[in-house]
């Protein structure tokens, strides 16, 4: 009898899209619109919306110096949500397993690895 391959999957069902859909924060129409934008356009739109909320004055927040942190955090979340294991996520990012574990701690994405949302498959 063949063992279940699901046993070794450490990042199963962690899709950000799936979780946001389950919370009714996004829908298929929005995803189609987002898909037609470049990543740079999407980031610019988010920054513009954030800046409008604070009257274009992000005092005390150095966006330029935080950009690397924000991007690496996003890359780790993406890799963990789209691969079947932490080892695969590390390979996808081009880093070692130990570098990934350090990054998970540094960027505080451990909650992504826990399935606390109790979101069931569609």
N, C-alpha and C. Protein backbone atom coordinates (compact mmCIF):
# COMPACT_ATOMS: atom_id res chain seq x y z
N UNK A 1 0.83 -1.18 0.00
CA UNK A 1 0.00 0.00 0.00
C UNK A 1 0.88 1.25 0.00
N UNK A 2 0.51 2.22 -0.77
CA UNK A 2 1.29 3.45 -0.92
C UNK A 2 0.94 4.45 0.17
N UNK A 3 1.97 5.07 0.74
CA UNK A 3 1.74 6.07 1.78
C UNK A 3 1.20 7.34 1.16
N UNK A 4 0.41 8.04 1.92
CA UNK A 4 -0.17 9.30 1.45
C UNK A 4 0.92 10.35 1.33
N UNK A 5 0.94 11.04 0.20
CA UNK A 5 1.95 12.09 0.00
C UNK A 5 1.59 13.36 0.75
N UNK A 6 0.35 13.46 1.24
CA UNK A 6 -0.08 14.65 1.96
C UNK A 6 0.62 14.80 3.30
N UNK A 7 1.15 13.71 3.84
CA UNK A 7 1.80 13.74 5.14
C UNK A 7 2.99 14.70 5.15
N UNK A 8 3.72 14.78 4.06
CA UNK A 8 4.92 15.61 4.00
C UNK A 8 4.67 17.04 3.54
N UNK A 9 3.44 17.38 3.22
CA UNK A 9 3.14 18.72 2.75
C UNK A 9 3.00 19.65 3.94
N UNK A 10 3.91 20.61 4.04
CA UNK A 10 3.90 21.51 5.20
C UNK A 10 3.24 22.84 4.91
N UNK A 11 2.95 23.11 3.66
CA UNK A 11 2.33 24.40 3.32
C UNK A 11 1.05 24.20 2.53
N UNK A 12 0.38 23.08 2.73
CA UNK A 12 -0.82 22.76 1.97
C UNK A 12 -1.96 23.73 2.31
N UNK A 13 -2.71 24.15 1.28
CA UNK A 13 -3.88 25.02 1.42
C UNK A 13 -3.55 26.34 2.11
N UNK A 14 -2.46 26.95 1.75
CA UNK A 14 -2.07 28.23 2.35
C UNK A 14 -2.22 29.38 1.36
N UNK A 15 -2.93 29.16 0.28
CA UNK A 15 -3.08 30.18 -0.75
C UNK A 15 -3.66 31.46 -0.19
N UNK A 16 -2.97 32.56 -0.42
CA UNK A 16 -3.45 33.87 0.02
C UNK A 16 -4.74 34.21 -0.71
N UNK A 17 -4.79 33.90 -1.99
CA UNK A 17 -6.00 34.16 -2.78
C UNK A 17 -7.18 33.39 -2.19
N UNK A 18 -6.98 32.12 -1.89
CA UNK A 18 -8.04 31.29 -1.33
C UNK A 18 -8.55 31.87 -0.01
N UNK A 19 -7.63 32.27 0.86
CA UNK A 19 -8.03 32.82 2.16
C UNK A 19 -8.76 34.14 2.01
N UNK A 20 -8.29 35.02 1.11
CA UNK A 20 -8.96 36.30 0.91
C UNK A 20 -10.34 36.11 0.28
N UNK A 21 -10.46 35.14 -0.60
CA UNK A 21 -11.77 34.83 -1.19
C UNK A 21 -12.73 34.31 -0.11
N UNK A 22 -12.23 33.46 0.76
CA UNK A 22 -13.05 32.89 1.83
C UNK A 22 -13.56 33.98 2.78
N UNK A 23 -12.78 35.04 2.93
CA UNK A 23 -13.18 36.17 3.79
C UNK A 23 -13.96 37.23 3.01
N UNK A 24 -14.26 36.93 1.74
CA UNK A 24 -14.98 37.85 0.85
C UNK A 24 -14.29 39.21 0.69
N UNK A 25 -12.96 39.20 0.73
CA UNK A 25 -12.20 40.43 0.51
C UNK A 25 -11.86 40.63 -0.96
N UNK A 26 -11.85 39.55 -1.72
CA UNK A 26 -11.61 39.62 -3.17
C UNK A 26 -12.56 38.67 -3.88
N UNK A 27 -12.72 38.88 -5.18
CA UNK A 27 -13.54 37.98 -5.99
C UNK A 27 -12.83 37.75 -7.32
N UNK A 28 -13.41 36.91 -8.16
CA UNK A 28 -12.78 36.57 -9.44
C UNK A 28 -12.63 37.78 -10.35
N UNK A 29 -13.60 38.67 -10.32
CA UNK A 29 -13.54 39.87 -11.16
C UNK A 29 -12.33 40.74 -10.78
N UNK A 30 -12.10 40.90 -9.49
CA UNK A 30 -10.95 41.67 -9.04
C UNK A 30 -9.65 40.97 -9.44
N UNK A 31 -9.61 39.67 -9.34
CA UNK A 31 -8.41 38.92 -9.71
C UNK A 31 -8.09 39.08 -11.20
N UNK A 32 -9.12 39.11 -12.04
CA UNK A 32 -8.90 39.33 -13.47
C UNK A 32 -8.32 40.72 -13.70
N UNK A 33 -8.85 41.71 -13.00
CA UNK A 33 -8.33 43.08 -13.13
C UNK A 33 -6.89 43.17 -12.66
N UNK A 34 -6.59 42.56 -11.53
CA UNK A 34 -5.23 42.57 -11.00
C UNK A 34 -4.28 41.87 -11.96
N UNK A 35 -4.73 40.80 -12.57
CA UNK A 35 -3.89 40.04 -13.49
C UNK A 35 -3.48 40.86 -14.71
N UNK A 36 -4.27 41.86 -15.06
CA UNK A 36 -3.97 42.71 -16.20
C UNK A 36 -2.99 43.85 -15.87
N UNK A 37 -2.60 43.96 -14.61
CA UNK A 37 -1.66 45.00 -14.18
C UNK A 37 -0.27 44.41 -14.01
N UNK A 38 0.73 45.26 -14.15
CA UNK A 38 2.09 44.83 -13.83
C UNK A 38 2.25 44.88 -12.32
N UNK A 39 3.24 44.19 -11.82
CA UNK A 39 3.51 44.21 -10.39
C UNK A 39 3.85 45.63 -9.94
N UNK A 40 4.59 46.34 -10.77
CA UNK A 40 4.96 47.73 -10.44
C UNK A 40 3.71 48.61 -10.35
N UNK A 41 2.77 48.43 -11.28
CA UNK A 41 1.53 49.20 -11.23
C UNK A 41 0.74 48.88 -9.97
N UNK A 42 0.67 47.61 -9.64
CA UNK A 42 -0.07 47.19 -8.46
C UNK A 42 0.53 47.78 -7.18
N UNK A 43 1.85 47.75 -7.08
CA UNK A 43 2.52 48.34 -5.92
C UNK A 43 2.28 49.84 -5.87
N UNK A 44 2.38 50.50 -7.02
CA UNK A 44 2.15 51.95 -7.07
C UNK A 44 0.74 52.31 -6.65
N UNK A 45 -0.23 51.53 -7.09
CA UNK A 45 -1.63 51.77 -6.71
C UNK A 45 -1.80 51.63 -5.21
N UNK A 46 -1.25 50.58 -4.64
CA UNK A 46 -1.36 50.37 -3.19
C UNK A 46 -0.69 51.50 -2.42
N UNK A 47 0.47 51.93 -2.88
CA UNK A 47 1.16 53.04 -2.21
C UNK A 47 0.35 54.33 -2.32
N UNK A 48 -0.22 54.58 -3.50
CA UNK A 48 -1.03 55.78 -3.69
C UNK A 48 -2.26 55.76 -2.78
N UNK A 49 -2.92 54.63 -2.70
CA UNK A 49 -4.09 54.51 -1.82
C UNK A 49 -3.69 54.73 -0.36
N UNK A 50 -2.57 54.17 0.04
CA UNK A 50 -2.09 54.35 1.41
C UNK A 50 -1.74 55.80 1.68
N UNK A 51 -1.10 56.45 0.71
CA UNK A 51 -0.70 57.85 0.87
C UNK A 51 -1.92 58.77 0.94
N UNK A 52 -2.95 58.48 0.15
CA UNK A 52 -4.16 59.28 0.20
C UNK A 52 -4.82 59.22 1.57
N UNK A 53 -4.73 58.07 2.19
CA UNK A 53 -5.33 57.88 3.51
C UNK A 53 -4.66 58.73 4.58
N UNK A 54 -3.37 59.01 4.39
CA UNK A 54 -2.63 59.80 5.39
C UNK A 54 -2.22 61.16 4.83
N UNK A 55 -2.99 61.67 3.89
CA UNK A 55 -2.75 62.99 3.28
C UNK A 55 -1.34 63.14 2.71
N UNK A 56 -0.83 62.08 2.10
CA UNK A 56 0.49 62.08 1.45
C UNK A 56 1.63 62.45 2.38
N UNK A 57 1.48 62.19 3.67
CA UNK A 57 2.53 62.53 4.63
C UNK A 57 2.85 61.33 5.54
N UNK A 58 3.63 60.39 5.04
CA UNK A 58 3.97 59.23 5.86
C UNK A 58 5.11 59.52 6.84
N UNK A 59 4.91 60.50 7.72
CA UNK A 59 5.96 60.88 8.66
C UNK A 59 6.34 59.72 9.56
N UNK A 60 7.64 59.57 9.77
CA UNK A 60 8.14 58.53 10.65
C UNK A 60 8.25 57.16 9.99
N UNK A 61 7.89 57.04 8.73
CA UNK A 61 7.99 55.76 8.04
C UNK A 61 8.85 55.94 6.80
N UNK A 62 10.02 55.35 6.81
CA UNK A 62 10.94 55.47 5.69
C UNK A 62 10.66 54.35 4.69
N UNK A 63 9.82 54.65 3.72
CA UNK A 63 9.42 53.67 2.72
C UNK A 63 10.63 53.11 1.97
N UNK A 64 11.55 53.98 1.63
CA UNK A 64 12.73 53.56 0.87
C UNK A 64 13.53 52.51 1.63
N UNK A 65 13.75 52.74 2.91
CA UNK A 65 14.56 51.79 3.68
C UNK A 65 13.78 50.52 4.04
N UNK A 66 12.47 50.58 4.04
CA UNK A 66 11.64 49.41 4.37
C UNK A 66 11.27 48.59 3.13
N UNK A 67 11.54 49.09 1.94
CA UNK A 67 11.13 48.42 0.70
C UNK A 67 11.70 47.00 0.60
N UNK A 68 12.95 46.81 0.94
CA UNK A 68 13.57 45.49 0.87
C UNK A 68 12.88 44.52 1.83
N UNK A 69 12.59 44.98 3.03
CA UNK A 69 11.90 44.15 4.03
C UNK A 69 10.52 43.74 3.52
N UNK A 70 9.78 44.71 2.99
CA UNK A 70 8.42 44.47 2.49
C UNK A 70 8.45 43.45 1.35
N UNK A 71 9.38 43.61 0.44
CA UNK A 71 9.47 42.71 -0.71
C UNK A 71 9.85 41.29 -0.29
N UNK A 72 10.84 41.17 0.59
CA UNK A 72 11.26 39.84 1.04
C UNK A 72 10.14 39.16 1.83
N UNK A 73 9.42 39.90 2.64
CA UNK A 73 8.28 39.36 3.36
C UNK A 73 7.25 38.80 2.38
N UNK A 74 6.97 39.56 1.34
CA UNK A 74 6.00 39.12 0.32
C UNK A 74 6.49 37.89 -0.43
N UNK A 75 7.77 37.86 -0.77
CA UNK A 75 8.33 36.70 -1.48
C UNK A 75 8.25 35.43 -0.64
N UNK A 76 8.55 35.55 0.65
CA UNK A 76 8.48 34.39 1.53
C UNK A 76 7.04 33.90 1.65
N UNK A 77 6.11 34.83 1.85
CA UNK A 77 4.69 34.45 1.94
C UNK A 77 4.24 33.76 0.65
N UNK A 78 4.64 34.31 -0.49
CA UNK A 78 4.26 33.71 -1.77
C UNK A 78 4.84 32.31 -1.91
N UNK A 79 6.13 32.17 -1.63
CA UNK A 79 6.78 30.86 -1.78
C UNK A 79 6.15 29.82 -0.87
N UNK A 80 5.86 30.19 0.37
CA UNK A 80 5.25 29.25 1.30
C UNK A 80 3.82 28.89 0.92
N UNK A 81 3.12 29.83 0.29
CA UNK A 81 1.72 29.57 -0.05
C UNK A 81 1.56 28.79 -1.35
N UNK A 82 2.60 28.74 -2.17
CA UNK A 82 2.45 28.08 -3.47
C UNK A 82 3.28 26.82 -3.64
N UNK A 83 4.07 26.47 -2.66
CA UNK A 83 4.87 25.25 -2.75
C UNK A 83 4.34 24.22 -1.77
N UNK A 84 4.77 22.98 -1.93
CA UNK A 84 4.28 21.88 -1.10
C UNK A 84 5.04 21.68 0.19
N UNK A 85 6.19 22.32 0.32
CA UNK A 85 7.00 22.13 1.53
C UNK A 85 7.92 23.32 1.73
N UNK A 86 8.45 23.41 2.93
CA UNK A 86 9.42 24.47 3.21
C UNK A 86 10.68 24.28 2.36
N UNK A 87 11.06 23.03 2.16
CA UNK A 87 12.24 22.74 1.33
C UNK A 87 12.01 23.24 -0.09
N UNK A 88 10.82 23.01 -0.63
CA UNK A 88 10.49 23.49 -1.98
C UNK A 88 10.46 25.02 -2.01
N UNK A 89 9.95 25.62 -0.95
CA UNK A 89 9.90 27.08 -0.88
C UNK A 89 11.32 27.66 -0.89
N UNK A 90 12.22 27.03 -0.14
CA UNK A 90 13.61 27.48 -0.11
C UNK A 90 14.24 27.37 -1.49
N UNK A 91 14.02 26.23 -2.15
CA UNK A 91 14.56 26.05 -3.51
C UNK A 91 13.99 27.08 -4.47
N UNK A 92 12.69 27.34 -4.36
CA UNK A 92 12.03 28.32 -5.21
C UNK A 92 12.67 29.70 -5.05
N UNK A 93 13.00 30.06 -3.81
CA UNK A 93 13.59 31.36 -3.52
C UNK A 93 15.10 31.40 -3.79
N UNK A 94 15.70 30.23 -3.98
CA UNK A 94 17.14 30.19 -4.22
C UNK A 94 17.95 30.38 -2.96
N UNK A 95 17.40 29.93 -1.83
CA UNK A 95 18.10 30.04 -0.55
C UNK A 95 18.17 28.65 0.09
N UNK A 96 19.00 28.52 1.11
CA UNK A 96 19.11 27.24 1.81
C UNK A 96 17.94 27.08 2.77
N UNK A 97 17.76 25.85 3.24
CA UNK A 97 16.70 25.58 4.21
C UNK A 97 16.89 26.42 5.47
N UNK A 98 18.13 26.50 5.95
CA UNK A 98 18.38 27.27 7.18
C UNK A 98 18.12 28.76 6.96
N UNK A 99 18.43 29.27 5.77
CA UNK A 99 18.12 30.67 5.48
C UNK A 99 16.62 30.91 5.48
N UNK A 100 15.87 29.94 4.97
CA UNK A 100 14.41 30.07 4.98
C UNK A 100 13.88 30.09 6.41
N UNK A 101 14.36 29.17 7.25
CA UNK A 101 13.90 29.13 8.64
C UNK A 101 14.22 30.45 9.36
N UNK A 102 15.40 31.00 9.10
CA UNK A 102 15.75 32.30 9.69
C UNK A 102 14.83 33.39 9.17
N UNK A 103 14.52 33.35 7.88
CA UNK A 103 13.64 34.35 7.28
C UNK A 103 12.22 34.25 7.83
N UNK A 104 11.74 33.02 8.05
CA UNK A 104 10.40 32.84 8.62
C UNK A 104 10.32 33.51 9.98
N UNK A 105 11.37 33.37 10.78
CA UNK A 105 11.40 34.02 12.09
C UNK A 105 11.54 35.54 11.95
N UNK A 106 12.46 35.97 11.09
CA UNK A 106 12.72 37.40 10.94
C UNK A 106 11.51 38.16 10.41
N UNK A 107 10.84 37.59 9.42
CA UNK A 107 9.72 38.27 8.79
C UNK A 107 8.38 37.89 9.40
N UNK A 108 8.44 37.11 10.48
CA UNK A 108 7.25 36.77 11.26
C UNK A 108 6.11 36.22 10.40
N UNK A 109 6.42 35.26 9.57
CA UNK A 109 5.40 34.65 8.72
C UNK A 109 5.01 33.26 9.22
N UNK A 110 5.38 32.93 10.45
CA UNK A 110 5.06 31.62 11.00
C UNK A 110 3.55 31.38 11.05
N UNK A 111 2.76 32.45 11.22
CA UNK A 111 1.31 32.27 11.27
C UNK A 111 0.76 31.74 9.95
N UNK A 112 1.47 31.97 8.87
CA UNK A 112 1.05 31.45 7.57
C UNK A 112 1.14 29.93 7.54
N UNK A 113 2.07 29.37 8.31
CA UNK A 113 2.26 27.93 8.33
C UNK A 113 1.22 27.23 9.20
N UNK A 114 0.55 27.99 10.04
CA UNK A 114 -0.50 27.42 10.88
C UNK A 114 -1.83 27.63 10.18
N UNK A 115 -2.70 26.68 10.26
CA UNK A 115 -4.00 26.82 9.61
C UNK A 115 -5.04 27.18 10.66
N UNK A 116 -4.91 28.38 11.23
CA UNK A 116 -5.82 28.82 12.27
C UNK A 116 -7.13 29.36 11.73
N UNK A 117 -7.21 29.59 10.44
CA UNK A 117 -8.41 30.20 9.86
C UNK A 117 -9.55 29.20 9.70
N UNK A 118 -9.24 27.91 9.82
CA UNK A 118 -10.26 26.87 9.62
C UNK A 118 -11.02 27.05 8.32
N UNK A 119 -10.31 27.42 7.27
CA UNK A 119 -10.92 27.61 5.96
C UNK A 119 -10.98 26.25 5.29
N UNK A 120 -12.15 25.85 4.90
CA UNK A 120 -12.32 24.56 4.24
C UNK A 120 -12.16 24.71 2.74
N UNK A 121 -11.77 23.64 2.10
CA UNK A 121 -11.63 23.66 0.65
C UNK A 121 -12.98 23.87 -0.01
N UNK A 122 -12.96 24.55 -1.17
CA UNK A 122 -14.21 24.82 -1.88
C UNK A 122 -14.82 23.56 -2.43
